[in-house]
Amino acid sequence: MSTALAQPGDTSSLEARAARLKEIAADIRVSIVNTIAGPRMGHIGGDFSVTDILVTLFFDIMRTRPADPEWAERDRFILSKGHCSAALYSVLATAGYFSPDLLSTFMAPLSVLNGHPNRRKVKGVEANTGPLGHGLPIGVGAAIAATISKSDYRTFVVLGDGELQEGSNWEAAMFAGHRKLSNLTAIVDRNRLQQGARTEDTNSLEPLGDKWRAFGWEVHEVDGHDHAALLAAFEAPRIDKPRFLIANTRKGKGVSFIEDRVEWHHKVPSPEQVLQAIEELRAQ
């Protein structure tokens, strides 16, 4: 059964909306654990760090119609860090794009739920992603298309912080700033870990906000697990610039033996650890 999306004109308080999103996120994390436990493949650390961002976008901020995923006026979402597909699939299933039963086929032979999302196979997926650094250029194209067609849909792109070491991001950022694409929002899942090491030890990104400002972007920095802070940042009055959101997160957020541990980039929990993870998540 899908979880109802927020309705336009929802007058609930910020606190009430945030509390609702927190409950959804807890269920999504349990879904992620169960999704990757079957095939014993996935990227649970990054799945958990990005969960609250995805939940806030899909269950409150974005204009979508899961029953009509090709609706022309829908907001566009691109998960550039495509290796965290289990998180996206769990969100899409919970939102009603497809049956949650399909999650049990994750990464099975001939399954549509591949390790990286495929727009030709999965409803709600806007772009095939996986090779890092490709999502933002696609997002810039989608935002420009909206201006050409005089549509008011918005485009959201979620990036990994390790992914920002790819040069294609900076070409796209420069062009988006030049075109003043105020209908484009890029969010970096700033968990400060990448495969094998911390980002700042591999190729330092700081001062990250200043770099994006220099490219002509409006920059916000928030706790990426605080739904109220995320809502406020997404709903801040728009100016004549694209928006960049630095969402500070913890890889493996919510499970004690996974959180902020570099080895859990794509390590999979044992059956005993699956039970422990679900128990910890249910207790929150």
Protein backbone atom coordinates (compact mmCIF):
# COMPACT_ATOMS: atom_id res chain seq x y z
CA MET A 1 0.00 0.00 0.00
CA SER A 2 1.38 3.42 -0.92
CA THR A 3 1.80 6.28 1.52
CA ALA A 4 -0.23 9.36 0.61
CA LEU A 5 1.74 12.22 -0.87
CA ALA A 6 1.38 15.73 0.47
CA GLN A 7 -1.43 17.64 -1.18
CA PRO A 8 -1.06 21.10 -2.75
CA GLY A 9 -2.19 23.74 -0.31
CA ASP A 10 -1.43 21.58 2.73
CA THR A 11 -1.71 23.97 5.68
CA SER A 12 -0.17 21.66 8.28
CA SER A 13 2.51 23.25 10.42
CA LEU A 14 6.17 22.76 9.56
CA GLU A 15 6.55 20.64 12.67
CA ALA A 16 3.64 18.39 11.72
CA ARG A 17 4.94 17.93 8.20
CA ALA A 18 8.42 17.12 9.51
CA ALA A 19 7.03 14.59 12.00
CA ARG A 20 5.11 12.85 9.22
CA LEU A 21 8.23 12.69 7.04
CA LYS A 22 10.29 11.26 9.91
CA GLU A 23 7.85 8.37 10.25
CA ILE A 24 7.95 7.68 6.52
CA ALA A 25 11.76 7.77 6.52
CA ALA A 26 11.93 5.19 9.30
CA ASP A 27 9.78 2.82 7.25
CA ILE A 28 11.84 3.51 4.14
CA ARG A 29 15.07 2.56 5.94
CA VAL A 30 13.54 -0.74 7.03
CA SER A 31 12.45 -1.30 3.43
CA ILE A 32 16.01 -0.65 2.25
CA VAL A 33 17.43 -3.21 4.68
CA ASN A 34 14.96 -5.84 3.49
CA THR A 35 15.54 -4.93 -0.16
CA ILE A 36 19.28 -5.49 -0.09
CA ALA A 37 19.21 -8.42 2.35
CA GLY A 38 17.76 -10.74 -0.30
CA PRO A 39 20.34 -10.41 -3.08
CA ARG A 40 23.06 -9.48 -0.56
CA MET A 41 24.05 -6.57 -2.80
CA GLY A 42 23.61 -2.83 -2.49
CA HIS A 43 25.01 0.37 -1.00
CA ILE A 44 23.34 0.62 2.37
CA GLY A 45 25.61 3.39 3.72
CA GLY A 46 24.72 5.88 0.97
CA ASP A 47 21.12 4.63 0.87
CA PHE A 48 20.67 5.63 4.48
CA SER A 49 22.43 9.00 4.20
CA VAL A 50 20.19 10.09 1.31
CA THR A 51 16.89 8.71 2.67
CA ASP A 52 15.67 11.85 4.45
CA ILE A 53 16.40 14.01 1.42
CA LEU A 54 14.45 11.69 -0.88
CA VAL A 55 11.53 11.40 1.53
CA THR A 56 11.28 15.19 1.90
CA LEU A 57 11.27 15.69 -1.85
CA PHE A 58 8.87 12.91 -2.84
CA PHE A 59 6.44 13.13 0.07
CA ASP A 60 6.21 16.89 0.46
CA ILE A 61 8.10 19.15 -1.91
CA MET A 62 7.76 17.79 -5.43
CA ARG A 63 4.69 17.96 -7.65
CA THR A 64 4.13 14.38 -8.83
CA ARG A 65 1.44 11.94 -9.96
CA PRO A 66 2.61 8.35 -9.34
CA ALA A 67 -0.46 7.01 -11.20
CA ASP A 68 0.53 9.18 -14.20
CA PRO A 69 4.34 9.20 -14.06
CA GLU A 70 4.71 10.85 -17.50
CA TRP A 71 2.47 13.81 -16.57
CA ALA A 72 4.03 16.72 -18.47
CA GLU A 73 3.91 19.20 -15.57
CA ARG A 74 5.52 16.89 -12.99
CA ASP A 75 8.65 18.04 -11.22
CA ARG A 76 11.72 16.14 -12.41
CA PHE A 77 14.00 14.22 -10.05
CA ILE A 78 17.40 12.75 -10.92
CA LEU A 79 19.40 10.57 -8.53
CA SER A 80 22.87 11.23 -9.86
CA LYS A 81 24.43 8.92 -7.22
CA GLY A 82 22.64 6.07 -8.95
CA HIS A 83 24.36 3.33 -6.97
CA CYS A 84 21.95 4.18 -4.13
CA SER A 85 19.05 2.80 -6.14
CA ALA A 86 17.64 0.75 -3.25
CA ALA A 87 16.73 3.99 -1.49
CA LEU A 88 15.09 5.43 -4.61
CA TYR A 89 13.19 2.20 -5.33
CA SER A 90 11.90 2.02 -1.75
CA VAL A 91 10.69 5.62 -1.97
CA LEU A 92 9.04 5.09 -5.36
CA ALA A 93 7.30 1.91 -4.17
CA THR A 94 6.04 3.59 -1.01
CA ALA A 95 4.82 6.59 -3.03
CA GLY A 96 2.81 4.30 -5.31
CA TYR A 97 4.80 4.21 -8.55
CA PHE A 98 4.87 0.39 -8.44
CA SER A 99 4.01 -2.43 -6.06
CA PRO A 100 6.28 -2.83 -3.02
CA ASP A 101 6.28 -6.55 -3.84
CA LEU A 102 8.60 -5.73 -6.73
CA LEU A 103 11.35 -4.77 -4.27
CA SER A 104 11.93 -8.47 -3.58
CA THR A 105 13.31 -8.78 -7.14
CA PHE A 106 16.04 -6.17 -6.56
CA MET A 107 19.10 -7.09 -8.65
CA ALA A 108 17.72 -10.52 -9.51
CA PRO A 109 18.30 -11.81 -13.07
CA LEU A 110 15.89 -10.09 -15.51
CA SER A 111 14.52 -7.82 -12.77
CA VAL A 112 13.67 -4.23 -13.77
CA LEU A 113 15.19 -3.05 -10.48
CA ASN A 114 18.83 -2.97 -11.51
CA GLY A 115 21.72 -1.85 -9.34
CA HIS A 116 21.48 1.53 -11.11
CA PRO A 117 18.09 3.03 -12.01
CA ASN A 118 16.86 2.69 -15.59
CA ARG A 119 14.21 5.11 -16.89
CA ARG A 120 13.05 2.66 -19.57
CA LYS A 121 12.21 0.03 -16.95
CA VAL A 122 11.09 1.75 -13.74
CA LYS A 123 8.21 4.21 -13.37
CA GLY A 124 9.30 7.40 -11.67
CA VAL A 125 12.93 7.21 -12.83
CA GLU A 126 13.74 10.21 -15.02
CA ALA A 127 17.29 9.35 -16.08
CA ASN A 128 19.64 6.39 -16.20
CA THR A 129 22.38 7.11 -13.72
CA GLY A 130 25.35 5.31 -12.30
CA PRO A 131 28.47 6.67 -13.98
CA LEU A 132 29.13 9.54 -11.60
CA GLY A 133 29.00 13.14 -12.77
CA HIS A 134 26.21 12.64 -15.32
CA GLY A 135 23.12 13.60 -13.31
CA LEU A 136 23.66 17.33 -13.04
CA PRO A 137 24.27 17.87 -16.78
CA ILE A 138 21.00 16.03 -17.44
CA GLY A 139 19.28 18.17 -14.83
CA VAL A 140 20.55 21.35 -16.46
CA GLY A 141 19.09 20.15 -19.75
CA ALA A 142 15.73 19.44 -18.11
CA ALA A 143 15.67 22.88 -16.50
CA ILE A 144 16.45 24.59 -19.81
CA ALA A 145 13.72 22.51 -21.49
CA ALA A 146 11.21 23.87 -18.98
CA THR A 147 12.16 27.45 -19.83
CA ILE A 148 11.89 26.78 -23.58
CA SER A 149 8.48 25.14 -23.22
CA LYS A 150 7.35 27.84 -20.77
CA SER A 151 6.51 25.19 -18.17
CA ASP A 152 6.80 25.85 -14.45
CA TYR A 153 8.02 22.37 -13.47
CA ARG A 154 11.15 22.25 -11.33
CA THR A 155 14.15 19.93 -11.55
CA PHE A 156 15.90 18.43 -8.53
CA VAL A 157 19.22 16.56 -8.71
CA VAL A 158 20.80 14.67 -5.80
CA LEU A 159 24.58 14.31 -5.97
CA GLY A 160 27.05 12.39 -3.88
CA ASP A 161 29.88 14.42 -2.38
CA GLY A 162 32.54 12.06 -3.73
CA GLU A 163 30.83 12.53 -7.08
CA LEU A 164 31.71 16.22 -7.03
CA GLN A 165 35.27 15.21 -7.85
CA GLU A 166 34.00 14.58 -11.40
CA GLY A 167 34.72 17.53 -13.70
CA SER A 168 31.44 17.29 -15.63
CA ASN A 169 29.63 18.61 -12.54
CA TRP A 170 31.57 21.85 -12.68
CA GLU A 171 30.89 22.39 -16.38
CA ALA A 172 27.17 21.92 -15.68
CA ALA A 173 27.32 24.19 -12.61
CA MET A 174 29.02 26.95 -14.61
CA PHE A 175 26.40 26.79 -17.37
CA ALA A 176 23.45 26.67 -14.95
CA GLY A 177 24.80 29.76 -13.21
CA HIS A 178 25.28 31.50 -16.54
CA ARG A 179 21.68 30.72 -17.56
CA LYS A 180 20.35 31.73 -14.09
CA LEU A 181 18.29 28.53 -13.89
CA SER A 182 16.15 29.34 -10.86
CA ASN A 183 14.02 26.25 -11.61
CA LEU A 184 16.98 23.96 -10.84
CA THR A 185 17.97 22.69 -7.38
CA ALA A 186 21.03 20.51 -6.78
CA ILE A 187 21.41 18.78 -3.44
CA VAL A 188 24.66 17.21 -2.32
CA ASP A 189 24.40 14.29 0.11
CA ARG A 190 27.39 15.52 2.13
CA ASN A 191 28.23 12.40 4.17
CA ARG A 192 31.96 13.05 3.76
CA LEU A 193 32.74 9.44 2.86
CA GLN A 194 33.34 7.82 -0.49
CA GLN A 195 34.37 4.33 -1.48
CA GLY A 196 37.44 3.52 0.60
CA ALA A 197 38.15 6.84 2.31
CA ARG A 198 36.91 10.24 3.46
CA THR A 199 36.34 12.78 0.71
CA GLU A 200 38.62 15.31 2.32
CA ASP A 201 41.50 12.79 2.35
CA THR A 202 40.89 11.74 -1.26
CA ASN A 203 40.34 15.11 -2.98
CA SER A 204 39.21 17.93 -0.73
CA LEU A 205 35.96 19.72 -1.65
CA GLU A 206 36.09 22.62 0.78
CA PRO A 207 35.23 25.45 0.79
CA LEU A 208 32.30 23.82 -0.99
CA GLY A 209 29.69 26.56 -0.58
CA ASP A 210 32.04 29.29 -1.78
CA LYS A 211 32.85 27.32 -4.91
CA TRP A 212 29.19 27.07 -5.90
CA ARG A 213 28.58 30.73 -5.09
CA ALA A 214 31.46 31.57 -7.41
CA PHE A 215 29.64 29.68 -10.17
CA GLY A 216 26.55 31.85 -9.70
CA TRP A 217 24.45 29.63 -7.41
CA GLU A 218 22.42 30.44 -4.30
CA VAL A 219 23.71 28.19 -1.49
CA HIS A 220 21.97 26.81 1.61
CA GLU A 221 23.57 24.46 4.17
CA VAL A 222 21.41 22.29 6.43
CA ASP A 223 21.31 19.12 8.52
CA GLY A 224 20.32 16.58 5.89
CA HIS A 225 18.46 14.45 8.45
CA ASP A 226 16.36 17.35 9.80
CA HIS A 227 13.14 17.33 7.79
CA ALA A 228 12.03 20.75 9.05
CA ALA A 229 15.36 22.27 7.98
CA LEU A 230 15.15 20.58 4.59
CA LEU A 231 11.58 21.84 4.07
CA ALA A 232 12.58 25.37 4.98
CA ALA A 233 15.54 25.32 2.60
CA PHE A 234 13.51 23.95 -0.30
CA GLU A 235 10.74 26.49 0.30
CA ALA A 236 12.95 29.57 0.75
CA PRO A 237 11.90 32.40 -1.61
CA ARG A 238 13.54 31.94 -4.97
CA ILE A 239 15.95 34.39 -6.49
CA ASP A 240 17.29 34.62 -10.01
CA LYS A 241 19.83 31.80 -9.55
CA PRO A 242 19.95 28.01 -9.41
CA ARG A 243 19.90 26.66 -5.86
CA PHE A 244 22.57 24.42 -4.27
CA LEU A 245 21.75 22.68 -1.02
CA ILE A 246 24.57 21.24 1.09
CA ALA A 247 22.78 18.56 3.12
CA ASN A 248 25.14 17.41 5.88
CA THR A 249 24.45 13.72 6.49
CA ARG A 250 25.88 10.57 8.07
CA LYS A 251 26.56 7.53 5.93
CA GLY A 252 24.53 4.65 7.37
CA LYS A 253 22.39 7.04 9.43
CA GLY A 254 20.25 5.25 12.00
CA VAL A 255 22.12 1.99 12.55
CA SER A 256 24.91 1.95 15.13
CA PHE A 257 27.30 -0.48 13.44
CA ILE A 258 26.94 1.15 9.99
CA GLU A 259 26.83 4.89 10.72
CA ASP A 260 29.89 6.85 9.53
CA ARG A 261 31.84 3.65 8.80
CA VAL A 262 33.71 3.71 5.49
CA GLU A 263 33.60 -0.07 5.01
CA TRP A 264 29.79 0.09 4.64
CA HIS A 265 29.93 1.79 1.23
CA HIS A 266 28.69 -1.46 -0.32
CA LYS A 267 29.06 -3.99 2.47
CA VAL A 268 25.89 -6.00 3.14
CA PRO A 269 24.71 -6.93 6.65
CA SER A 270 24.63 -10.56 7.75
CA PRO A 271 21.23 -12.10 8.65
CA GLU A 272 21.96 -11.35 12.32
CA GLN A 273 22.90 -7.77 11.48
CA VAL A 274 19.71 -7.36 9.42
CA LEU A 275 17.66 -8.19 12.50
CA GLN A 276 19.71 -5.82 14.65
CA ALA A 277 19.41 -3.00 12.10
CA ILE A 278 15.63 -3.35 11.89
CA GLU A 279 15.36 -3.48 15.66
CA GLU A 280 17.37 -0.26 15.99
CA LEU A 281 15.35 1.48 13.29
CA ARG A 282 12.04 0.46 14.82
CA ALA A 283 13.14 1.80 18.21
CA GLN A 284 13.72 5.33 16.88
